[in-house]
Amino acid sequence: MPTITFIDAQGAARSVQAECGQSLMTAARANDVPGIDADCGGMCACATCHVYVDTEFLSQLPAPGDGEEALLEFVDKAQPNSRLACQICVTEVLKGMIVRTPSSQR
């Protein structure tokens, strides 16, 4: 199981074990990671699982789909490394990945 580290807006880090095949959002919710609201339950409909992916791992991810790109246009403080955690499938390649949560998901 890959270990993923979530760092919140205040700098507190939490490392979690994520199962391959599950979404990053599901792993965060299963481990009570603060800052991942996931209001739509992972349906790519709300953008409340917005995260900033460490640039080292961006190239390891598939490009965002049209739905994800459309939602990211409306998030506060979007950055080039912004992604939706519900759209990131955990694989062994992501072992050690660091993601940061924004100060707010609204």
PDB file of N, CA and C in Angstrom:
ATOM      1  N   MET A   1       0.835  -1.187   0.000  1.00  0.00           N
ATOM      2  CA  MET A   1       0.000   0.000   0.000  1.00  0.00           C
ATOM      3  C   MET A   1       0.877   1.247   0.000  1.00  0.00           C
ATOM      4  N   PRO A   2       0.649   2.134  -0.935  1.00  0.00           N
ATOM      5  CA  PRO A   2       1.430   3.375  -0.969  1.00  0.00           C
ATOM      6  C   PRO A   2       1.086   4.287   0.209  1.00  0.00           C
ATOM      7  N   THR A   3       2.073   4.999   0.677  1.00  0.00           N
ATOM      8  CA  THR A   3       1.860   6.013   1.698  1.00  0.00           C
ATOM      9  C   THR A   3       1.748   7.361   1.009  1.00  0.00           C
ATOM     10  N   ILE A   4       0.685   8.094   1.342  1.00  0.00           N
ATOM     11  CA  ILE A   4       0.440   9.427   0.801  1.00  0.00           C
ATOM     12  C   ILE A   4       0.450  10.391   1.982  1.00  0.00           C
ATOM     13  N   THR A   5       1.097  11.522   1.842  1.00  0.00           N
ATOM     14  CA  THR A   5       1.131  12.519   2.903  1.00  0.00           C
ATOM     15  C   THR A   5       0.281  13.724   2.501  1.00  0.00           C
ATOM     16  N   PHE A   6      -0.656  14.049   3.372  1.00  0.00           N
ATOM     17  CA  PHE A   6      -1.508  15.225   3.217  1.00  0.00           C
ATOM     18  C   PHE A   6      -0.998  16.300   4.150  1.00  0.00           C
ATOM     19  N   ILE A   7      -0.812  17.497   3.652  1.00  0.00           N
ATOM     20  CA  ILE A   7      -0.373  18.622   4.476  1.00  0.00           C
ATOM     21  C   ILE A   7      -1.460  19.686   4.400  1.00  0.00           C
ATOM     22  N   ASP A   8      -1.966  20.086   5.568  1.00  0.00           N
ATOM     23  CA  ASP A   8      -3.046  21.076   5.568  1.00  0.00           C
ATOM     24  C   ASP A   8      -2.487  22.492   5.450  1.00  0.00           C
ATOM     25  N   ALA A   9      -3.381  23.453   5.353  1.00  0.00           N
ATOM     26  CA  ALA A   9      -2.991  24.852   5.122  1.00  0.00           C
ATOM     27  C   ALA A   9      -2.152  25.419   6.267  1.00  0.00           C
ATOM     28  N   GLN A  10      -2.226  24.816   7.442  1.00  0.00           N
ATOM     29  CA  GLN A  10      -1.428  25.270   8.582  1.00  0.00           C
ATOM     30  C   GLN A  10      -0.078  24.566   8.658  1.00  0.00           C
ATOM     31  N   GLY A  11       0.154  23.611   7.753  1.00  0.00           N
ATOM     32  CA  GLY A  11       1.434  22.915   7.724  1.00  0.00           C
ATOM     33  C   GLY A  11       1.467  21.594   8.456  1.00  0.00           C
ATOM     34  N   ALA A  12       0.347  21.174   9.036  1.00  0.00           N
ATOM     35  CA  ALA A  12       0.309  19.885   9.737  1.00  0.00           C
ATOM     36  C   ALA A  12       0.239  18.756   8.707  1.00  0.00           C
ATOM     37  N   ALA A  13       1.107  17.768   8.869  1.00  0.00           N
ATOM     38  CA  ALA A  13       1.174  16.642   7.934  1.00  0.00           C
ATOM     39  C   ALA A  13       0.539  15.399   8.533  1.00  0.00           C
ATOM     40  N   ARG A  14      -0.110  14.635   7.656  1.00  0.00           N
ATOM     41  CA  ARG A  14      -0.694  13.359   8.052  1.00  0.00           C
ATOM     42  C   ARG A  14      -0.420  12.362   6.936  1.00  0.00           C
ATOM     43  N   SER A  15       0.302  11.302   7.249  1.00  0.00           N
ATOM     44  CA  SER A  15       0.592  10.257   6.272  1.00  0.00           C
ATOM     45  C   SER A  15      -0.407   9.127   6.448  1.00  0.00           C
ATOM     46  N   VAL A  16      -0.933   8.633   5.322  1.00  0.00           N
ATOM     47  CA  VAL A  16      -1.935   7.567   5.361  1.00  0.00           C
ATOM     48  C   VAL A  16      -1.538   6.461   4.398  1.00  0.00           C
ATOM     49  N   GLN A  17      -1.967   5.259   4.696  1.00  0.00           N
ATOM     50  CA  GLN A  17      -1.811   4.127   3.798  1.00  0.00           C
ATOM     51  C   GLN A  17      -3.016   4.115   2.872  1.00  0.00           C
ATOM     52  N   ALA A  18      -2.781   4.095   1.579  1.00  0.00           N
ATOM     53  CA  ALA A  18      -3.868   4.114   0.599  1.00  0.00           C
ATOM     54  C   ALA A  18      -3.828   2.825  -0.215  1.00  0.00           C
ATOM     55  N   GLU A  19      -4.980   2.249  -0.438  1.00  0.00           N
ATOM     56  CA  GLU A  19      -5.062   1.026  -1.228  1.00  0.00           C
ATOM     57  C   GLU A  19      -4.997   1.365  -2.710  1.00  0.00           C
ATOM     58  N   CYS A  20      -4.220   0.592  -3.444  1.00  0.00           N
ATOM     59  CA  CYS A  20      -4.166   0.780  -4.892  1.00  0.00           C
ATOM     60  C   CYS A  20      -5.562   0.542  -5.466  1.00  0.00           C
ATOM     61  N   GLY A  21      -5.939   1.398  -6.403  1.00  0.00           N
ATOM     62  CA  GLY A  21      -7.247   1.287  -7.040  1.00  0.00           C
ATOM     63  C   GLY A  21      -8.297   2.198  -6.451  1.00  0.00           C
ATOM     64  N   GLN A  22      -8.094   2.662  -5.226  1.00  0.00           N
ATOM     65  CA  GLN A  22      -9.065   3.586  -4.645  1.00  0.00           C
ATOM     66  C   GLN A  22      -8.674   5.013  -5.001  1.00  0.00           C
ATOM     67  N   SER A  23      -9.631   5.896  -4.895  1.00  0.00           N
ATOM     68  CA  SER A  23      -9.311   7.298  -5.184  1.00  0.00           C
ATOM     69  C   SER A  23      -8.569   7.908  -4.008  1.00  0.00           C
ATOM     70  N   LEU A  24      -7.834   8.944  -4.300  1.00  0.00           N
ATOM     71  CA  LEU A  24      -7.136   9.675  -3.246  1.00  0.00           C
ATOM     72  C   LEU A  24      -8.141  10.244  -2.244  1.00  0.00           C
ATOM     73  N   MET A  25      -9.295  10.683  -2.742  1.00  0.00           N
ATOM     74  CA  MET A  25     -10.342  11.201  -1.872  1.00  0.00           C
ATOM     75  C   MET A  25     -10.841  10.126  -0.908  1.00  0.00           C
ATOM     76  N   THR A  26     -11.057   8.920  -1.409  1.00  0.00           N
ATOM     77  CA  THR A  26     -11.528   7.823  -0.561  1.00  0.00           C
ATOM     78  C   THR A  26     -10.503   7.502   0.523  1.00  0.00           C
ATOM     79  N   ALA A  27      -9.236   7.490   0.159  1.00  0.00           N
ATOM     80  CA  ALA A  27      -8.178   7.237   1.143  1.00  0.00           C
ATOM     81  C   ALA A  27      -8.162   8.327   2.209  1.00  0.00           C
ATOM     82  N   ALA A  28      -8.333   9.581   1.780  1.00  0.00           N
ATOM     83  CA  ALA A  28      -8.346  10.695   2.737  1.00  0.00           C
ATOM     84  C   ALA A  28      -9.527  10.580   3.687  1.00  0.00           C
ATOM     85  N   ARG A  29     -10.702  10.309   3.151  1.00  0.00           N
ATOM     86  CA  ARG A  29     -11.909  10.207   3.986  1.00  0.00           C
ATOM     87  C   ARG A  29     -11.823   9.014   4.943  1.00  0.00           C
ATOM     88  N   ALA A  30     -11.283   7.896   4.474  1.00  0.00           N
ATOM     89  CA  ALA A  30     -11.159   6.702   5.311  1.00  0.00           C
ATOM     90  C   ALA A  30     -10.204   6.935   6.480  1.00  0.00           C
ATOM     91  N   ASN A  31      -9.306   7.906   6.328  1.00  0.00           N
ATOM     92  CA  ASN A  31      -8.323   8.188   7.368  1.00  0.00           C
ATOM     93  C   ASN A  31      -8.571   9.522   8.063  1.00  0.00           C
ATOM     94  N   ASP A  32      -9.780  10.056   7.894  1.00  0.00           N
ATOM     95  CA  ASP A  32     -10.189  11.300   8.563  1.00  0.00           C
ATOM     96  C   ASP A  32      -9.225  12.462   8.323  1.00  0.00           C
ATOM     97  N   VAL A  33      -8.754  12.580   7.086  1.00  0.00           N
ATOM     98  CA  VAL A  33      -7.875  13.693   6.738  1.00  0.00           C
ATOM     99  C   VAL A  33      -8.706  14.970   6.701  1.00  0.00           C
ATOM    100  N   PRO A  34      -8.360  15.961   7.516  1.00  0.00           N
ATOM    101  CA  PRO A  34      -9.118  17.212   7.485  1.00  0.00           C
ATOM    102  C   PRO A  34      -8.870  17.971   6.176  1.00  0.00           C
ATOM    103  N   GLY A  35      -9.873  18.724   5.753  1.00  0.00           N
ATOM    104  CA  GLY A  35      -9.730  19.544   4.562  1.00  0.00           C
ATOM    105  C   GLY A  35     -10.206  18.890   3.288  1.00  0.00           C
ATOM    106  N   ILE A  36     -10.665  17.653   3.353  1.00  0.00           N
ATOM    107  CA  ILE A  36     -11.241  16.961   2.193  1.00  0.00           C
ATOM    108  C   ILE A  36     -12.721  16.752   2.513  1.00  0.00           C
ATOM    109  N   ASP A  37     -13.560  17.676   2.038  1.00  0.00           N
ATOM    110  CA  ASP A  37     -14.989  17.605   2.357  1.00  0.00           C
ATOM    111  C   ASP A  37     -15.706  16.538   1.539  1.00  0.00           C
ATOM    112  N   ALA A  38     -15.438  16.463   0.246  1.00  0.00           N
ATOM    113  CA  ALA A  38     -16.018  15.443  -0.641  1.00  0.00           C
ATOM    114  C   ALA A  38     -17.539  15.411  -0.554  1.00  0.00           C
ATOM    115  N   ASP A  39     -18.153  16.569  -0.698  1.00  0.00           N
ATOM    116  CA  ASP A  39     -19.611  16.676  -0.567  1.00  0.00           C
ATOM    117  C   ASP A  39     -20.372  15.794  -1.545  1.00  0.00           C
ATOM    118  N   CYS A  40     -19.847  15.583  -2.753  1.00  0.00           N
ATOM    119  CA  CYS A  40     -20.568  14.782  -3.753  1.00  0.00           C
ATOM    120  C   CYS A  40     -20.231  13.299  -3.659  1.00  0.00           C
ATOM    121  N   GLY A  41     -19.350  12.925  -2.739  1.00  0.00           N
ATOM    122  CA  GLY A  41     -19.008  11.519  -2.564  1.00  0.00           C
ATOM    123  C   GLY A  41     -18.104  10.950  -3.641  1.00  0.00           C
ATOM    124  N   GLY A  42     -17.442  11.805  -4.385  1.00  0.00           N
ATOM    125  CA  GLY A  42     -16.498  11.327  -5.379  1.00  0.00           C
ATOM    126  C   GLY A  42     -17.047  11.265  -6.791  1.00  0.00           C
ATOM    127  N   MET A  43     -18.112  11.977  -7.049  1.00  0.00           N
ATOM    128  CA  MET A  43     -18.756  11.947  -8.370  1.00  0.00           C
ATOM    129  C   MET A  43     -18.237  13.040  -9.315  1.00  0.00           C
ATOM    130  N   CYS A  44     -17.207  13.761  -8.926  1.00  0.00           N
ATOM    131  CA  CYS A  44     -16.641  14.857  -9.738  1.00  0.00           C
ATOM    132  C   CYS A  44     -17.725  15.886 -10.052  1.00  0.00           C
ATOM    133  N   ALA A  45     -18.426  16.303  -8.981  1.00  0.00           N
ATOM    134  CA  ALA A  45     -19.533  17.239  -9.168  1.00  0.00           C
ATOM    135  C   ALA A  45     -19.468  18.449  -8.250  1.00  0.00           C
ATOM    136  N   CYS A  46     -18.468  18.521  -7.364  1.00  0.00           N
ATOM    137  CA  CYS A  46     -18.500  19.622  -6.393  1.00  0.00           C
ATOM    138  C   CYS A  46     -17.167  20.324  -6.164  1.00  0.00           C
ATOM    139  N   ALA A  47     -16.064  19.689  -6.407  1.00  0.00           N
ATOM    140  CA  ALA A  47     -14.713  20.243  -6.214  1.00  0.00           C
ATOM    141  C   ALA A  47     -14.354  20.479  -4.750  1.00  0.00           C
ATOM    142  N   THR A  48     -15.033  19.813  -3.821  1.00  0.00           N
ATOM    143  CA  THR A  48     -14.680  19.983  -2.405  1.00  0.00           C
ATOM    144  C   THR A  48     -13.637  18.969  -1.944  1.00  0.00           C
ATOM    145  N   CYS A  49     -12.956  18.374  -2.906  1.00  0.00           N
ATOM    146  CA  CYS A  49     -11.802  17.519  -2.596  1.00  0.00           C
ATOM    147  C   CYS A  49     -10.565  18.065  -3.309  1.00  0.00           C
ATOM    148  N   HIS A  50     -10.579  19.365  -3.547  1.00  0.00           N
ATOM    149  CA  HIS A  50      -9.479  20.064  -4.221  1.00  0.00           C
ATOM    150  C   HIS A  50      -8.195  19.899  -3.416  1.00  0.00           C
ATOM    151  N   VAL A  51      -7.123  19.543  -4.096  1.00  0.00           N
ATOM    152  CA  VAL A  51      -5.799  19.433  -3.471  1.00  0.00           C
ATOM    153  C   VAL A  51      -4.757  20.009  -4.412  1.00  0.00           C
ATOM    154  N   TYR A  52      -3.602  20.300  -3.850  1.00  0.00           N
ATOM    155  CA  TYR A  52      -2.435  20.715  -4.622  1.00  0.00           C
ATOM    156  C   TYR A  52      -1.458  19.539  -4.608  1.00  0.00           C
ATOM    157  N   VAL A  53      -1.193  18.980  -5.772  1.00  0.00           N
ATOM    158  CA  VAL A  53      -0.302  17.828  -5.889  1.00  0.00           C
ATOM    159  C   VAL A  53       1.139  18.324  -5.980  1.00  0.00           C
ATOM    160  N   ASP A  54       2.016  17.718  -5.200  1.00  0.00           N
ATOM    161  CA  ASP A  54       3.433  18.046  -5.269  1.00  0.00           C
ATOM    162  C   ASP A  54       3.900  17.901  -6.712  1.00  0.00           C
ATOM    163  N   THR A  55       4.612  18.899  -7.205  1.00  0.00           N
ATOM    164  CA  THR A  55       4.974  18.932  -8.628  1.00  0.00           C
ATOM    165  C   THR A  55       5.766  17.704  -9.076  1.00  0.00           C
ATOM    166  N   GLU A  56       6.483  17.081  -8.176  1.00  0.00           N
ATOM    167  CA  GLU A  56       7.241  15.874  -8.509  1.00  0.00           C
ATOM    168  C   GLU A  56       6.319  14.758  -9.008  1.00  0.00           C
ATOM    169  N   PHE A  57       5.078  14.746  -8.551  1.00  0.00           N
ATOM    170  CA  PHE A  57       4.159  13.667  -8.891  1.00  0.00           C
ATOM    171  C   PHE A  57       3.163  14.019  -9.985  1.00  0.00           C
ATOM    172  N   LEU A  58       3.089  15.280 -10.383  1.00  0.00           N
ATOM    173  CA  LEU A  58       2.118  15.669 -11.415  1.00  0.00           C
ATOM    174  C   LEU A  58       2.294  14.872 -12.701  1.00  0.00           C
ATOM    175  N   SER A  59       3.528  14.645 -13.099  1.00  0.00           N
ATOM    176  CA  SER A  59       3.768  13.916 -14.348  1.00  0.00           C
ATOM    177  C   SER A  59       3.394  12.438 -14.240  1.00  0.00           C
ATOM    178  N   GLN A  60       3.187  11.949 -13.031  1.00  0.00           N
ATOM    179  CA  GLN A  60       2.800  10.552 -12.824  1.00  0.00           C
ATOM    180  C   GLN A  60       1.286  10.348 -12.948  1.00  0.00           C
ATOM    181  N   LEU A  61       0.552  11.447 -13.013  1.00  0.00           N
ATOM    182  CA  LEU A  61      -0.905  11.378 -13.068  1.00  0.00           C
ATOM    183  C   LEU A  61      -1.403  11.548 -14.498  1.00  0.00           C
ATOM    184  N   PRO A  62      -2.509  10.886 -14.823  1.00  0.00           N
ATOM    185  CA  PRO A  62      -3.126  11.179 -16.122  1.00  0.00           C
ATOM    186  C   PRO A  62      -3.617  12.621 -16.135  1.00  0.00           C
ATOM    187  N   ALA A  63      -3.725  13.179 -17.299  1.00  0.00           N
ATOM    188  CA  ALA A  63      -4.238  14.551 -17.423  1.00  0.00           C
ATOM    189  C   ALA A  63      -5.671  14.603 -16.900  1.00  0.00           C
ATOM    190  N   PRO A  64      -6.053  15.745 -16.319  1.00  0.00           N
ATOM    191  CA  PRO A  64      -7.431  15.857 -15.855  1.00  0.00           C
ATOM    192  C   PRO A  64      -8.415  15.772 -17.018  1.00  0.00           C
ATOM    193  N   GLY A  65      -9.554  15.150 -16.762  1.00  0.00           N
ATOM    194  CA  GLY A  65     -10.605  15.075 -17.767  1.00  0.00           C
ATOM    195  C   GLY A  65     -11.337  16.406 -17.878  1.00  0.00           C
ATOM    196  N   ASP A  66     -12.215  16.493 -18.850  1.00  0.00           N
ATOM    197  CA  ASP A  66     -12.955  17.733 -19.083  1.00  0.00           C
ATOM    198  C   ASP A  66     -13.772  18.156 -17.868  1.00  0.00           C
ATOM    199  N   GLY A  67     -14.427  17.197 -17.210  1.00  0.00           N
ATOM    200  CA  GLY A  67     -15.238  17.521 -16.033  1.00  0.00           C
ATOM    201  C   GLY A  67     -14.401  18.076 -14.895  1.00  0.00           C
ATOM    202  N   GLU A  68     -13.259  17.464 -14.661  1.00  0.00           N
ATOM    203  CA  GLU A  68     -12.369  17.939 -13.604  1.00  0.00           C
ATOM    204  C   GLU A  68     -11.835  19.332 -13.940  1.00  0.00           C
ATOM    205  N   GLU A  69     -11.427  19.526 -15.180  1.00  0.00           N
ATOM    206  CA  GLU A  69     -10.924  20.840 -15.585  1.00  0.00           C
ATOM    207  C   GLU A  69     -11.991  21.917 -15.409  1.00  0.00           C
ATOM    208  N   ALA A  70     -13.226  21.595 -15.757  1.00  0.00           N
ATOM    209  CA  ALA A  70     -14.314  22.566 -15.625  1.00  0.00           C
ATOM    210  C   ALA A  70     -14.536  22.944 -14.170  1.00  0.00           C
ATOM    211  N   LEU A  71     -14.517  21.967 -13.281  1.00  0.00           N
ATOM    212  CA  LEU A  71     -14.711  22.257 -11.853  1.00  0.00           C
ATOM    213  C   LEU A  71     -13.540  23.054 -11.281  1.00  0.00           C
ATOM    214  N   LEU A  72     -12.332  22.743 -11.710  1.00  0.00           N
ATOM    215  CA  LEU A  72     -11.156  23.446 -11.182  1.00  0.00           C
ATOM    216  C   LEU A  72     -11.151  24.927 -11.556  1.00  0.00           C
ATOM    217  N   GLU A  73     -11.872  25.287 -12.595  1.00  0.00           N
ATOM    218  CA  GLU A  73     -11.971  26.699 -12.968  1.00  0.00           C
ATOM    219  C   GLU A  73     -12.700  27.526 -11.904  1.00  0.00           C
ATOM    220  N   PHE A  74     -13.472  26.858 -11.058  1.00  0.00           N
ATOM    221  CA  PHE A  74     -14.293  27.571 -10.083  1.00  0.00           C
ATOM    222  C   PHE A  74     -13.793  27.468  -8.646  1.00  0.00           C
ATOM    223  N   VAL A  75     -12.703  26.760  -8.415  1.00  0.00           N
ATOM    224  CA  VAL A  75     -12.205  26.652  -7.043  1.00  0.00           C
ATOM    225  C   VAL A  75     -11.430  27.906  -6.670  1.00  0.00           C
ATOM    226  N   ASP A  76     -11.486  28.248  -5.386  1.00  0.00           N
ATOM    227  CA  ASP A  76     -10.691  29.369  -4.887  1.00  0.00           C
ATOM    228  C   ASP A  76      -9.219  28.984  -4.907  1.00  0.00           C
ATOM    229  N   LYS A  77      -8.396  29.905  -5.294  1.00  0.00           N
ATOM    230  CA  LYS A  77      -6.939  29.743  -5.247  1.00  0.00           C
ATOM    231  C   LYS A  77      -6.436  28.546  -6.052  1.00  0.00           C
ATOM    232  N   ALA A  78      -7.016  28.332  -7.237  1.00  0.00           N
ATOM    233  CA  ALA A  78      -6.521  27.269  -8.102  1.00  0.00           C
ATOM    234  C   ALA A  78      -5.095  27.585  -8.542  1.00  0.00           C
ATOM    235  N   GLN A  79      -4.291  26.547  -8.656  1.00  0.00           N
ATOM    236  CA  GLN A  79      -2.902  26.667  -9.084  1.00  0.00           C
ATOM    237  C   GLN A  79      -2.649  25.651 -10.197  1.00  0.00           C
ATOM    238  N   PRO A  80      -1.540  25.753 -10.902  1.00  0.00           N
ATOM    239  CA  PRO A  80      -1.260  24.776 -11.965  1.00  0.00           C
ATOM    240  C   PRO A  80      -1.230  23.324 -11.476  1.00  0.00           C
ATOM    241  N   ASN A  81      -0.950  23.119 -10.196  1.00  0.00           N
ATOM    242  CA  ASN A  81      -0.903  21.759  -9.643  1.00  0.00           C
ATOM    243  C   ASN A  81      -2.189  21.376  -8.912  1.00  0.00           C
ATOM    244  N   SER A  82      -3.270  22.126  -9.135  1.00  0.00           N
ATOM    245  CA  SER A  82      -4.562  21.805  -8.530  1.00  0.00           C
ATOM    246  C   SER A  82      -5.164  20.582  -9.204  1.00  0.00           C
ATOM    247  N   ARG A  83      -5.696  19.683  -8.395  1.00  0.00           N
ATOM    248  CA  ARG A  83      -6.414  18.504  -8.887  1.00  0.00           C
ATOM    249  C   ARG A  83      -7.544  18.202  -7.921  1.00  0.00           C
ATOM    250  N   LEU A  84      -8.469  17.362  -8.364  1.00  0.00           N
ATOM    251  CA  LEU A  84      -9.529  16.873  -7.486  1.00  0.00           C
ATOM    252  C   LEU A  84      -9.128  15.485  -7.020  1.00  0.00           C
ATOM    253  N   ALA A  85      -9.120  15.292  -5.712  1.00  0.00           N
ATOM    254  CA  ALA A  85      -8.673  14.014  -5.147  1.00  0.00           C
ATOM    255  C   ALA A  85      -9.561  12.852  -5.585  1.00  0.00           C
ATOM    256  N   CYS A  86     -10.820  13.133  -5.902  1.00  0.00           N
ATOM    257  CA  CYS A  86     -11.715  12.056  -6.348  1.00  0.00           C
ATOM    258  C   CYS A  86     -11.333  11.533  -7.723  1.00  0.00           C
ATOM    259  N   GLN A  87     -10.514  12.260  -8.457  1.00  0.00           N
ATOM    260  CA  GLN A  87     -10.138  11.871  -9.811  1.00  0.00           C
ATOM    261  C   GLN A  87      -8.737  11.286  -9.896  1.00  0.00           C
ATOM    262  N   ILE A  88      -8.096  11.114  -8.747  1.00  0.00           N
ATOM    263  CA  ILE A  88      -6.750  10.533  -8.716  1.00  0.00           C
ATOM    264  C   ILE A  88      -6.853   9.111  -8.189  1.00  0.00           C
ATOM    265  N   CYS A  89      -6.519   8.158  -9.045  1.00  0.00           N
ATOM    266  CA  CYS A  89      -6.530   6.750  -8.654  1.00  0.00           C
ATOM    267  C   CYS A  89      -5.158   6.401  -8.066  1.00  0.00           C
ATOM    268  N   VAL A  90      -5.170   5.853  -6.868  1.00  0.00           N
ATOM    269  CA  VAL A  90      -3.925   5.498  -6.188  1.00  0.00           C
ATOM    270  C   VAL A  90      -3.294   4.285  -6.881  1.00  0.00           C
ATOM    271  N   THR A  91      -2.007   4.415  -7.170  1.00  0.00           N
ATOM    272  CA  THR A  91      -1.201   3.324  -7.727  1.00  0.00           C
ATOM    273  C   THR A  91       0.133   3.300  -6.986  1.00  0.00           C
ATOM    274  N   GLU A  92       0.890   2.247  -7.185  1.00  0.00           N
ATOM    275  CA  GLU A  92       2.212   2.143  -6.553  1.00  0.00           C
ATOM    276  C   GLU A  92       3.134   3.279  -6.971  1.00  0.00           C
ATOM    277  N   VAL A  93       2.929   3.815  -8.167  1.00  0.00           N
ATOM    278  CA  VAL A  93       3.759   4.914  -8.669  1.00  0.00           C
ATOM    279  C   VAL A  93       3.620   6.154  -7.776  1.00  0.00           C
ATOM    280  N   LEU A  94       2.501   6.273  -7.090  1.00  0.00           N
ATOM    281  CA  LEU A  94       2.252   7.447  -6.252  1.00  0.00           C
ATOM    282  C   LEU A  94       2.796   7.287  -4.831  1.00  0.00           C
ATOM    283  N   LYS A  95       3.479   6.203  -4.569  1.00  0.00           N
ATOM    284  CA  LYS A  95       4.081   5.958  -3.252  1.00  0.00           C
ATOM    285  C   LYS A  95       4.937   7.153  -2.847  1.00  0.00           C
ATOM    286  N   GLY A  96       4.647   7.723  -1.682  1.00  0.00           N
ATOM    287  CA  GLY A  96       5.401   8.866  -1.185  1.00  0.00           C
ATOM    288  C   GLY A  96       4.866  10.210  -1.635  1.00  0.00           C
ATOM    289  N   MET A  97       3.771  10.215  -2.389  1.00  0.00           N
ATOM    290  CA  MET A  97       3.221  11.467  -2.905  1.00  0.00           C
ATOM    291  C   MET A  97       2.818  12.399  -1.767  1.00  0.00           C
ATOM    292  N   ILE A  98       3.022  13.675  -2.007  1.00  0.00           N
ATOM    293  CA  ILE A  98       2.626  14.718  -1.055  1.00  0.00           C
ATOM    294  C   ILE A  98       1.561  15.570  -1.721  1.00  0.00           C
ATOM    295  N   VAL A  99       0.451  15.770  -1.026  1.00  0.00           N
ATOM    296  CA  VAL A  99      -0.594  16.692  -1.489  1.00  0.00           C
ATOM    297  C   VAL A  99      -0.900  17.665  -0.367  1.00  0.00           C
ATOM    298  N   ARG A 100      -1.266  18.850  -0.753  1.00  0.00           N
ATOM    299  CA  ARG A 100      -1.621  19.879   0.221  1.00  0.00           C
ATOM    300  C   ARG A 100      -3.084  20.227   0.046  1.00  0.00           C
ATOM    301  N   THR A 101      -3.740  20.476   1.162  1.00  0.00           N
ATOM    302  CA  THR A 101      -5.137  20.886   1.109  1.00  0.00           C
ATOM    303  C   THR A 101      -5.219  22.397   1.233  1.00  0.00           C
ATOM    304  N   PRO A 102      -6.164  23.011   0.521  1.00  0.00           N
ATOM    305  CA  PRO A 102      -6.310  24.457   0.615  1.00  0.00           C
ATOM    306  C   PRO A 102      -6.899  24.863   1.962  1.00  0.00           C
ATOM    307  N   SER A 103      -6.856  26.141   2.253  1.00  0.00           N
ATOM    308  CA  SER A 103      -7.394  26.630   3.536  1.00  0.00           C
ATOM    309  C   SER A 103      -8.905  26.481   3.603  1.00  0.00           C
ATOM    310  N   SER A 104      -9.554  26.414   2.446  1.00  0.00           N
ATOM    311  CA  SER A 104     -11.014  26.267   2.401  1.00  0.00           C
ATOM    312  C   SER A 104     -11.390  25.529   1.137  1.00  0.00           C
ATOM    313  N   GLN A 105     -12.462  24.753   1.204  1.00  0.00           N
ATOM    314  CA  GLN A 105     -12.968  24.060   0.031  1.00  0.00           C
ATOM    315  C   GLN A 105     -14.160  24.799  -0.569  1.00  0.00           C
ATOM    316  N   ARG A 106     -14.434  25.982  -0.159  1.00  0.00           N
ATOM    317  CA  ARG A 106     -15.595  26.753  -0.661  1.00  0.00           C
ATOM    318  C   ARG A 106     -15.152  27.876  -1.527  1.00  0.00           C
TER     319      ARG A 106
END
